[in-house]
């Protein structure tokens, strides 16, 4: 039986906290490190505002909604790609570290990482690293055909 997404929100938040060296949990820190961005509150509808909203949604386990908020910025702002990629890596890493007895949790984390990686590839199909991590997520999810397909696409790109 699948757990509702809201029940997994604390796990998603913990995954994001475990990012290796990346302060994804604090959108203000993420944005403040970018040159030319003031420390003031972001303008509603701006990239900064949408990235903040996406972080909040990811922390609540609302992966699809976070992708929807960030999607308009994926083609023109690297920070949007970075946010989704780092979140996808965090969830993929957490899924790999999840005990086998927690299959539903593992599947939810893998599904979330797949959603995030696919959103990036929809806009940037030539990002080989993202495609390799998507292949790994599919493999861990037991979707060997899709894993093989994306791995072969990554190999063909090089």
C-alpha atoms as a PDB file:
ATOM      1  CA  UNK A   1       0.000   0.000   0.000  1.00  0.00           C
ATOM      2  CA  UNK A   2       1.393   3.397  -1.020  1.00  0.00           C
ATOM      3  CA  UNK A   3       1.758   6.059   1.624  1.00  0.00           C
ATOM      4  CA  UNK A   4       0.100   9.421   0.879  1.00  0.00           C
ATOM      5  CA  UNK A   5       2.581  12.091  -0.161  1.00  0.00           C
ATOM      6  CA  UNK A   6       1.795  14.204   2.911  1.00  0.00           C
ATOM      7  CA  UNK A   7       2.916  11.327   5.144  1.00  0.00           C
ATOM      8  CA  UNK A   8       6.265  11.323   3.339  1.00  0.00           C
ATOM      9  CA  UNK A   9       6.887  15.080   3.656  1.00  0.00           C
ATOM     10  CA  UNK A  10       9.194  14.702   6.691  1.00  0.00           C
ATOM     11  CA  UNK A  11      11.229  12.116   4.786  1.00  0.00           C
ATOM     12  CA  UNK A  12      11.491  14.397   1.752  1.00  0.00           C
ATOM     13  CA  UNK A  13      12.641  17.211   4.047  1.00  0.00           C
ATOM     14  CA  UNK A  14      15.211  14.920   5.650  1.00  0.00           C
ATOM     15  CA  UNK A  15      16.453  13.927   2.186  1.00  0.00           C
ATOM     16  CA  UNK A  16      16.945  17.542   1.268  1.00  0.00           C
ATOM     17  CA  UNK A  17      18.746  18.208   4.541  1.00  0.00           C
ATOM     18  CA  UNK A  18      21.218  15.446   3.708  1.00  0.00           C
ATOM     19  CA  UNK A  19      22.515  17.063   0.530  1.00  0.00           C
ATOM     20  CA  UNK A  20      26.257  16.725   0.528  1.00  0.00           C
ATOM     21  CA  UNK A  21      27.535  20.239   1.067  1.00  0.00           C
ATOM     22  CA  UNK A  22      24.543  21.935  -0.550  1.00  0.00           C
ATOM     23  CA  UNK A  23      22.374  24.236   1.510  1.00  0.00           C
ATOM     24  CA  UNK A  24      19.187  23.516  -0.383  1.00  0.00           C
ATOM     25  CA  UNK A  25      17.103  23.853   2.741  1.00  0.00           C
ATOM     26  CA  UNK A  26      17.636  27.592   2.813  1.00  0.00           C
ATOM     27  CA  UNK A  27      16.485  29.171  -0.417  1.00  0.00           C
ATOM     28  CA  UNK A  28      17.677  32.497   0.923  1.00  0.00           C
ATOM     29  CA  UNK A  29      21.209  31.090   1.216  1.00  0.00           C
ATOM     30  CA  UNK A  30      20.975  29.570  -2.258  1.00  0.00           C
ATOM     31  CA  UNK A  31      19.831  32.828  -3.786  1.00  0.00           C
ATOM     32  CA  UNK A  32      22.074  35.103  -1.727  1.00  0.00           C
ATOM     33  CA  UNK A  33      25.111  33.325  -3.141  1.00  0.00           C
ATOM     34  CA  UNK A  34      24.177  34.488  -6.630  1.00  0.00           C
ATOM     35  CA  UNK A  35      25.838  37.745  -7.737  1.00  0.00           C
ATOM     36  CA  UNK A  36      23.513  40.671  -8.207  1.00  0.00           C
ATOM     37  CA  UNK A  37      20.656  39.306  -6.113  1.00  0.00           C
ATOM     38  CA  UNK A  38      19.648  41.560  -3.265  1.00  0.00           C
ATOM     39  CA  UNK A  39      18.817  40.162   0.147  1.00  0.00           C
ATOM     40  CA  UNK A  40      15.362  41.741  -0.035  1.00  0.00           C
ATOM     41  CA  UNK A  41      12.187  39.711  -0.265  1.00  0.00           C
ATOM     42  CA  UNK A  42      11.739  38.321  -3.767  1.00  0.00           C
ATOM     43  CA  UNK A  43       9.183  39.892  -6.065  1.00  0.00           C
ATOM     44  CA  UNK A  44       6.130  37.627  -6.464  1.00  0.00           C
ATOM     45  CA  UNK A  45       6.329  35.763  -9.760  1.00  0.00           C
ATOM     46  CA  UNK A  46      10.087  36.278 -10.035  1.00  0.00           C
ATOM     47  CA  UNK A  47      12.614  33.467 -10.353  1.00  0.00           C
ATOM     48  CA  UNK A  48      13.655  34.006  -6.739  1.00  0.00           C
ATOM     49  CA  UNK A  49      10.077  33.867  -5.505  1.00  0.00           C
ATOM     50  CA  UNK A  50       9.363  30.733  -7.514  1.00  0.00           C
ATOM     51  CA  UNK A  51      12.547  29.015  -6.290  1.00  0.00           C
ATOM     52  CA  UNK A  52      11.582  29.802  -2.693  1.00  0.00           C
ATOM     53  CA  UNK A  53       8.094  28.421  -3.325  1.00  0.00           C
ATOM     54  CA  UNK A  54       9.558  25.298  -4.957  1.00  0.00           C
ATOM     55  CA  UNK A  55      11.801  24.624  -1.958  1.00  0.00           C
ATOM     56  CA  UNK A  56       8.797  24.959   0.344  1.00  0.00           C
ATOM     57  CA  UNK A  57       6.786  22.581  -1.850  1.00  0.00           C
ATOM     58  CA  UNK A  58       9.626  20.047  -1.940  1.00  0.00           C
ATOM     59  CA  UNK A  59       9.832  20.166   1.844  1.00  0.00           C
ATOM     60  CA  UNK A  60       6.120  19.353   1.978  1.00  0.00           C
ATOM     61  CA  UNK A  61       6.556  16.434  -0.406  1.00  0.00           C
ATOM     62  CA  UNK A  62       4.737  18.213  -3.235  1.00  0.00           C
ATOM     63  CA  UNK A  63       7.225  17.253  -5.950  1.00  0.00           C
ATOM     64  CA  UNK A  64       4.907  17.678  -8.946  1.00  0.00           C
ATOM     65  CA  UNK A  65       3.782  21.117  -7.744  1.00  0.00           C
ATOM     66  CA  UNK A  66       7.411  22.170  -7.192  1.00  0.00           C
ATOM     67  CA  UNK A  67       8.231  21.127 -10.751  1.00  0.00           C
ATOM     68  CA  UNK A  68       5.230  23.078 -12.061  1.00  0.00           C
ATOM     69  CA  UNK A  69       6.416  26.227 -10.277  1.00  0.00           C
ATOM     70  CA  UNK A  70       9.999  25.915 -11.543  1.00  0.00           C
ATOM     71  CA  UNK A  71       9.273  24.625 -15.072  1.00  0.00           C
ATOM     72  CA  UNK A  72       8.884  28.094 -16.690  1.00  0.00           C
ATOM     73  CA  UNK A  73      12.399  28.980 -15.534  1.00  0.00           C
ATOM     74  CA  UNK A  74      14.194  25.776 -16.573  1.00  0.00           C
ATOM     75  CA  UNK A  75      15.116  27.012 -20.043  1.00  0.00           C
ATOM     76  CA  UNK A  76      16.489  30.373 -18.930  1.00  0.00           C
ATOM     77  CA  UNK A  77      17.822  30.141 -15.374  1.00  0.00           C
ATOM     78  CA  UNK A  78      20.463  27.648 -14.267  1.00  0.00           C
ATOM     79  CA  UNK A  79      19.374  28.000 -10.639  1.00  0.00           C
ATOM     80  CA  UNK A  80      16.070  26.307 -11.466  1.00  0.00           C
ATOM     81  CA  UNK A  81      17.908  23.362 -13.034  1.00  0.00           C
ATOM     82  CA  UNK A  82      20.302  23.209 -10.071  1.00  0.00           C
ATOM     83  CA  UNK A  83      17.431  23.169  -7.579  1.00  0.00           C
ATOM     84  CA  UNK A  84      15.642  20.264  -9.251  1.00  0.00           C
ATOM     85  CA  UNK A  85      18.870  18.356  -9.900  1.00  0.00           C
ATOM     86  CA  UNK A  86      20.148  18.676  -6.321  1.00  0.00           C
ATOM     87  CA  UNK A  87      16.729  17.719  -4.933  1.00  0.00           C
ATOM     88  CA  UNK A  88      16.606  14.730  -7.293  1.00  0.00           C
ATOM     89  CA  UNK A  89      20.076  13.610  -6.212  1.00  0.00           C
ATOM     90  CA  UNK A  90      19.132  13.993  -2.553  1.00  0.00           C
ATOM     91  CA  UNK A  91      16.026  11.861  -2.956  1.00  0.00           C
ATOM     92  CA  UNK A  92      17.890   9.286  -5.040  1.00  0.00           C
ATOM     93  CA  UNK A  93      20.618   9.055  -2.401  1.00  0.00           C
ATOM     94  CA  UNK A  94      18.063   8.718   0.368  1.00  0.00           C
ATOM     95  CA  UNK A  95      16.295   5.973  -1.577  1.00  0.00           C
ATOM     96  CA  UNK A  96      19.562   4.064  -1.900  1.00  0.00           C
ATOM     97  CA  UNK A  97      20.157   4.395   1.846  1.00  0.00           C
ATOM     98  CA  UNK A  98      16.624   3.318   2.778  1.00  0.00           C
ATOM     99  CA  UNK A  99      16.364  -0.081   4.450  1.00  0.00           C
ATOM    100  CA  UNK A 100      14.770  -2.758   2.234  1.00  0.00           C
ATOM    101  CA  UNK A 101      11.957  -3.181   4.766  1.00  0.00           C
ATOM    102  CA  UNK A 102      10.817   0.353   3.899  1.00  0.00           C
ATOM    103  CA  UNK A 103       9.875  -0.443   0.290  1.00  0.00           C
ATOM    104  CA  UNK A 104       7.049   2.115   0.073  1.00  0.00           C
ATOM    105  CA  UNK A 105       9.336   4.894   1.277  1.00  0.00           C
ATOM    106  CA  UNK A 106      12.064   3.831  -1.147  1.00  0.00           C
ATOM    107  CA  UNK A 107       9.609   3.759  -4.059  1.00  0.00           C
ATOM    108  CA  UNK A 108       8.237   7.211  -3.200  1.00  0.00           C
ATOM    109  CA  UNK A 109      11.739   8.689  -3.082  1.00  0.00           C
ATOM    110  CA  UNK A 110      12.684   7.046  -6.377  1.00  0.00           C
ATOM    111  CA  UNK A 111       9.459   8.240  -8.015  1.00  0.00           C
ATOM    112  CA  UNK A 112      10.169  11.773  -6.791  1.00  0.00           C
ATOM    113  CA  UNK A 113      13.716  11.724  -8.169  1.00  0.00           C
ATOM    114  CA  UNK A 114      12.449  10.367 -11.500  1.00  0.00           C
ATOM    115  CA  UNK A 115       9.905  13.192 -11.701  1.00  0.00           C
ATOM    116  CA  UNK A 116      12.591  15.802 -11.029  1.00  0.00           C
ATOM    117  CA  UNK A 117      15.108  14.375 -13.514  1.00  0.00           C
ATOM    118  CA  UNK A 118      12.450  14.020 -16.232  1.00  0.00           C
ATOM    119  CA  UNK A 119      11.426  17.657 -15.775  1.00  0.00           C
ATOM    120  CA  UNK A 120      15.005  18.764 -16.403  1.00  0.00           C
ATOM    121  CA  UNK A 121      15.441  16.488 -19.422  1.00  0.00           C
ATOM    122  CA  UNK A 122      12.199  17.731 -20.967  1.00  0.00           C
ATOM    123  CA  UNK A 123      13.863  21.141 -21.268  1.00  0.00           C
ATOM    124  CA  UNK A 124      17.504  20.004 -21.614  1.00  0.00           C
ATOM    125  CA  UNK A 125      17.606  16.549 -23.259  1.00  0.00           C
ATOM    126  CA  UNK A 126      21.370  16.848 -23.781  1.00  0.00           C
ATOM    127  CA  UNK A 127      22.244  16.891 -20.046  1.00  0.00           C
ATOM    128  CA  UNK A 128      24.067  13.553 -19.886  1.00  0.00           C
ATOM    129  CA  UNK A 129      24.644  13.582 -16.121  1.00  0.00           C
ATOM    130  CA  UNK A 130      20.928  14.025 -15.455  1.00  0.00           C
ATOM    131  CA  UNK A 131      20.123  11.218 -17.892  1.00  0.00           C
ATOM    132  CA  UNK A 132      22.583   8.885 -16.147  1.00  0.00           C
ATOM    133  CA  UNK A 133      21.001   9.603 -12.768  1.00  0.00           C
ATOM    134  CA  UNK A 134      17.558   9.033 -14.281  1.00  0.00           C
ATOM    135  CA  UNK A 135      18.788   5.666 -15.597  1.00  0.00           C
ATOM    136  CA  UNK A 136      20.091   4.813 -12.126  1.00  0.00           C
ATOM    137  CA  UNK A 137      16.753   5.772 -10.541  1.00  0.00           C
ATOM    138  CA  UNK A 138      14.856   3.608 -13.038  1.00  0.00           C
ATOM    139  CA  UNK A 139      17.237   0.704 -12.345  1.00  0.00           C
ATOM    140  CA  UNK A 140      16.731   1.002  -8.586  1.00  0.00           C
ATOM    141  CA  UNK A 141      12.970   1.189  -9.162  1.00  0.00           C
ATOM    142  CA  UNK A 142      13.135  -2.094 -11.075  1.00  0.00           C
ATOM    143  CA  UNK A 143      12.288  -0.538 -14.438  1.00  0.00           C
ATOM    144  CA  UNK A 144      15.189  -2.146 -16.267  1.00  0.00           C
ATOM    145  CA  UNK A 145      13.959  -1.386 -19.786  1.00  0.00           C
ATOM    146  CA  UNK A 146      13.742   2.339 -19.090  1.00  0.00           C
ATOM    147  CA  UNK A 147      17.059   2.256 -17.245  1.00  0.00           C
ATOM    148  CA  UNK A 148      18.747   0.608 -20.229  1.00  0.00           C
ATOM    149  CA  UNK A 149      17.115   3.052 -22.665  1.00  0.00           C
ATOM    150  CA  UNK A 150      18.310   6.140 -20.788  1.00  0.00           C
ATOM    151  CA  UNK A 151      21.762   4.681 -20.208  1.00  0.00           C
ATOM    152  CA  UNK A 152      22.103   3.989 -23.938  1.00  0.00           C
ATOM    153  CA  UNK A 153      20.923   7.533 -24.743  1.00  0.00           C
ATOM    154  CA  UNK A 154      23.585   8.880 -22.391  1.00  0.00           C
ATOM    155  CA  UNK A 155      26.253   6.713 -24.039  1.00  0.00           C
ATOM    156  CA  UNK A 156      25.150   7.832 -27.500  1.00  0.00           C
ATOM    157  CA  UNK A 157      25.466  11.478 -26.455  1.00  0.00           C
ATOM    158  CA  UNK A 158      29.186  11.113 -25.735  1.00  0.00           C
END
